[in-house]
Amino acid sequence: MNVEIPHNQIEQLDTLAAQTGKGTGELVREAVSKMLAYNDWFKAQVQIGIDQIQRGNFMEEPEMNARVQKMLRS
């Protein structure tokens, strides 16, 4: 697989590689791995919300607004 990376990001990647003692390829693989893990986490969180809604476990907008206002006052 070939990926085009903007020049300024290549410079940042090179700097980070020098600072961490890791190769640029390793840093890119780590970044992709973290992105994929985040994507899996995010999808799971969305499904949790969907499941809660289907069970009727949610609050209406006025109640949510009141909770948010209370949190902001604290």
N, C-alpha and C. Protein backbone atom coordinates (compact mmCIF):
# COMPACT_ATOMS: atom_id res chain seq x y z
N MET A 1 0.85 -1.17 0.00
CA MET A 1 0.00 0.00 0.00
C MET A 1 0.90 1.24 0.00
N ASN A 2 0.53 2.19 -0.80
CA ASN A 2 1.24 3.46 -0.83
C ASN A 2 0.30 4.56 -0.38
N VAL A 3 0.80 5.44 0.45
CA VAL A 3 -0.01 6.53 0.97
C VAL A 3 0.75 7.83 0.73
N GLU A 4 0.06 8.80 0.14
CA GLU A 4 0.69 10.11 -0.06
C GLU A 4 0.46 10.94 1.19
N ILE A 5 1.55 11.48 1.72
CA ILE A 5 1.49 12.30 2.92
C ILE A 5 2.01 13.68 2.57
N PRO A 6 1.29 14.74 2.97
CA PRO A 6 1.75 16.10 2.67
C PRO A 6 3.15 16.35 3.25
N HIS A 7 3.91 17.17 2.55
CA HIS A 7 5.30 17.43 2.91
C HIS A 7 5.44 17.90 4.36
N ASN A 8 4.55 18.80 4.80
CA ASN A 8 4.67 19.32 6.16
C ASN A 8 4.46 18.21 7.19
N GLN A 9 3.61 17.24 6.89
CA GLN A 9 3.39 16.13 7.80
C GLN A 9 4.57 15.17 7.79
N ILE A 10 5.22 15.03 6.66
CA ILE A 10 6.43 14.20 6.60
C ILE A 10 7.51 14.81 7.48
N GLU A 11 7.64 16.12 7.43
CA GLU A 11 8.61 16.80 8.29
C GLU A 11 8.29 16.57 9.76
N GLN A 12 7.02 16.69 10.11
CA GLN A 12 6.61 16.45 11.50
C GLN A 12 6.87 15.01 11.90
N LEU A 13 6.59 14.10 11.00
CA LEU A 13 6.81 12.68 11.27
C LEU A 13 8.30 12.40 11.46
N ASP A 14 9.13 12.99 10.61
CA ASP A 14 10.58 12.82 10.75
C ASP A 14 11.07 13.36 12.10
N THR A 15 10.55 14.51 12.49
CA THR A 15 10.93 15.11 13.78
C THR A 15 10.51 14.20 14.93
N LEU A 16 9.29 13.70 14.87
CA LEU A 16 8.80 12.81 15.92
C LEU A 16 9.62 11.52 15.97
N ALA A 17 9.97 11.01 14.82
CA ALA A 17 10.79 9.80 14.78
C ALA A 17 12.14 10.04 15.44
N ALA A 18 12.73 11.17 15.16
CA ALA A 18 14.02 11.49 15.77
C ALA A 18 13.89 11.66 17.28
N GLN A 19 12.81 12.26 17.73
CA GLN A 19 12.60 12.50 19.15
C GLN A 19 12.32 11.21 19.92
N THR A 20 11.63 10.28 19.28
CA THR A 20 11.21 9.06 19.97
C THR A 20 12.15 7.88 19.74
N GLY A 21 13.03 8.01 18.75
CA GLY A 21 13.91 6.91 18.41
C GLY A 21 13.21 5.79 17.66
N LYS A 22 12.02 6.07 17.15
CA LYS A 22 11.27 5.09 16.37
C LYS A 22 11.39 5.43 14.90
N GLY A 23 11.18 4.45 14.07
CA GLY A 23 11.18 4.69 12.63
C GLY A 23 9.86 5.31 12.20
N THR A 24 9.88 6.01 11.09
CA THR A 24 8.66 6.64 10.61
C THR A 24 7.60 5.59 10.27
N GLY A 25 8.02 4.47 9.73
CA GLY A 25 7.06 3.40 9.43
C GLY A 25 6.37 2.89 10.68
N GLU A 26 7.14 2.74 11.75
CA GLU A 26 6.57 2.29 13.02
C GLU A 26 5.56 3.30 13.55
N LEU A 27 5.88 4.58 13.45
CA LEU A 27 4.97 5.62 13.91
C LEU A 27 3.67 5.61 13.10
N VAL A 28 3.79 5.44 11.80
CA VAL A 28 2.60 5.40 10.95
C VAL A 28 1.75 4.18 11.29
N ARG A 29 2.38 3.02 11.48
CA ARG A 29 1.62 1.82 11.86
C ARG A 29 0.92 2.01 13.20
N GLU A 30 1.59 2.64 14.16
CA GLU A 30 0.97 2.93 15.46
C GLU A 30 -0.24 3.85 15.29
N ALA A 31 -0.09 4.86 14.45
CA ALA A 31 -1.18 5.81 14.24
C ALA A 31 -2.39 5.11 13.61
N VAL A 32 -2.14 4.27 12.62
CA VAL A 32 -3.23 3.54 11.97
C VAL A 32 -3.89 2.60 12.97
N SER A 33 -3.10 1.93 13.76
CA SER A 33 -3.64 1.01 14.76
C SER A 33 -4.53 1.75 15.75
N LYS A 34 -4.07 2.92 16.22
CA LYS A 34 -4.87 3.71 17.16
C LYS A 34 -6.16 4.20 16.52
N MET A 35 -6.09 4.62 15.25
CA MET A 35 -7.27 5.09 14.55
C MET A 35 -8.30 3.97 14.41
N LEU A 36 -7.84 2.78 14.05
CA LEU A 36 -8.75 1.65 13.90
C LEU A 36 -9.35 1.24 15.24
N ALA A 37 -8.56 1.26 16.29
CA ALA A 37 -9.06 0.95 17.63
C ALA A 37 -10.10 1.98 18.06
N TYR A 38 -9.84 3.26 17.79
CA TYR A 38 -10.80 4.30 18.13
C TYR A 38 -12.09 4.11 17.36
N ASN A 39 -11.98 3.76 16.08
CA ASN A 39 -13.16 3.53 15.27
C ASN A 39 -14.01 2.40 15.84
N ASP A 40 -13.36 1.32 16.25
CA ASP A 40 -14.08 0.20 16.87
C ASP A 40 -14.75 0.64 18.16
N TRP A 41 -14.03 1.40 19.00
CA TRP A 41 -14.59 1.90 20.25
C TRP A 41 -15.80 2.79 19.98
N PHE A 42 -15.66 3.71 19.03
CA PHE A 42 -16.74 4.64 18.72
C PHE A 42 -17.98 3.91 18.26
N LYS A 43 -17.83 2.95 17.36
CA LYS A 43 -18.97 2.17 16.88
C LYS A 43 -19.64 1.43 18.03
N ALA A 44 -18.84 0.89 18.95
CA ALA A 44 -19.41 0.19 20.11
C ALA A 44 -20.19 1.15 20.99
N GLN A 45 -19.68 2.38 21.18
CA GLN A 45 -20.38 3.36 22.00
C GLN A 45 -21.69 3.78 21.35
N VAL A 46 -21.69 3.93 20.05
CA VAL A 46 -22.93 4.26 19.33
C VAL A 46 -23.94 3.13 19.51
N GLN A 47 -23.48 1.89 19.40
CA GLN A 47 -24.39 0.75 19.56
C GLN A 47 -24.96 0.70 20.97
N ILE A 48 -24.14 1.03 21.97
CA ILE A 48 -24.64 1.09 23.35
C ILE A 48 -25.78 2.09 23.44
N GLY A 49 -25.60 3.26 22.83
CA GLY A 49 -26.65 4.27 22.84
C GLY A 49 -27.91 3.80 22.12
N ILE A 50 -27.74 3.17 20.99
CA ILE A 50 -28.89 2.65 20.24
C ILE A 50 -29.63 1.60 21.07
N ASP A 51 -28.88 0.72 21.70
CA ASP A 51 -29.49 -0.31 22.54
C ASP A 51 -30.27 0.32 23.70
N GLN A 52 -29.71 1.36 24.31
CA GLN A 52 -30.40 2.04 25.42
C GLN A 52 -31.70 2.66 24.94
N ILE A 53 -31.66 3.30 23.80
CA ILE A 53 -32.86 3.93 23.25
C ILE A 53 -33.92 2.87 22.96
N GLN A 54 -33.51 1.75 22.37
CA GLN A 54 -34.47 0.69 22.06
C GLN A 54 -35.10 0.12 23.32
N ARG A 55 -34.38 0.13 24.43
CA ARG A 55 -34.93 -0.34 25.70
C ARG A 55 -35.77 0.74 26.40
N GLY A 56 -35.77 1.94 25.81
CA GLY A 56 -36.50 3.05 26.42
C GLY A 56 -35.73 3.71 27.54
N ASN A 57 -34.45 3.46 27.59
CA ASN A 57 -33.60 3.99 28.66
C ASN A 57 -32.91 5.27 28.17
N PHE A 58 -33.66 6.35 28.19
CA PHE A 58 -33.11 7.64 27.78
C PHE A 58 -33.91 8.74 28.45
N MET A 59 -33.40 9.96 28.40
CA MET A 59 -34.14 11.07 28.99
C MET A 59 -34.54 12.04 27.89
N GLU A 60 -35.65 12.69 28.13
CA GLU A 60 -36.18 13.66 27.18
C GLU A 60 -35.33 14.94 27.24
N GLU A 61 -35.43 15.75 26.20
CA GLU A 61 -34.61 16.95 26.07
C GLU A 61 -34.73 17.91 27.25
N PRO A 62 -35.92 18.21 27.76
CA PRO A 62 -35.99 19.15 28.90
C PRO A 62 -35.21 18.66 30.12
N GLU A 63 -35.28 17.36 30.40
CA GLU A 63 -34.54 16.82 31.54
C GLU A 63 -33.04 16.91 31.29
N MET A 64 -32.61 16.62 30.07
CA MET A 64 -31.19 16.71 29.73
C MET A 64 -30.71 18.16 29.85
N ASN A 65 -31.51 19.09 29.35
CA ASN A 65 -31.13 20.51 29.45
C ASN A 65 -30.98 20.94 30.90
N ALA A 66 -31.90 20.49 31.75
CA ALA A 66 -31.84 20.84 33.17
C ALA A 66 -30.56 20.27 33.80
N ARG A 67 -30.22 19.06 33.47
CA ARG A 67 -28.98 18.45 34.02
C ARG A 67 -27.75 19.20 33.57
N VAL A 68 -27.72 19.57 32.29
CA VAL A 68 -26.56 20.30 31.76
C VAL A 68 -26.44 21.65 32.45
N GLN A 69 -27.56 22.35 32.60
CA GLN A 69 -27.54 23.66 33.28
C GLN A 69 -27.04 23.52 34.72
N LYS A 70 -27.48 22.46 35.39
CA LYS A 70 -27.05 22.23 36.77
C LYS A 70 -25.54 21.96 36.82
N MET A 71 -25.03 21.19 35.87
CA MET A 71 -23.60 20.90 35.82
C MET A 71 -22.80 22.17 35.57
N LEU A 72 -23.32 23.04 34.70
CA LEU A 72 -22.60 24.27 34.37
C LEU A 72 -22.57 25.24 35.55
N ARG A 73 -23.56 25.18 36.41
CA ARG A 73 -23.61 26.06 37.58
C ARG A 73 -22.68 25.57 38.68
N SER A 74 -22.35 24.31 38.67
CA SER A 74 -21.50 23.74 39.74
C SER A 74 -20.07 24.17 39.63
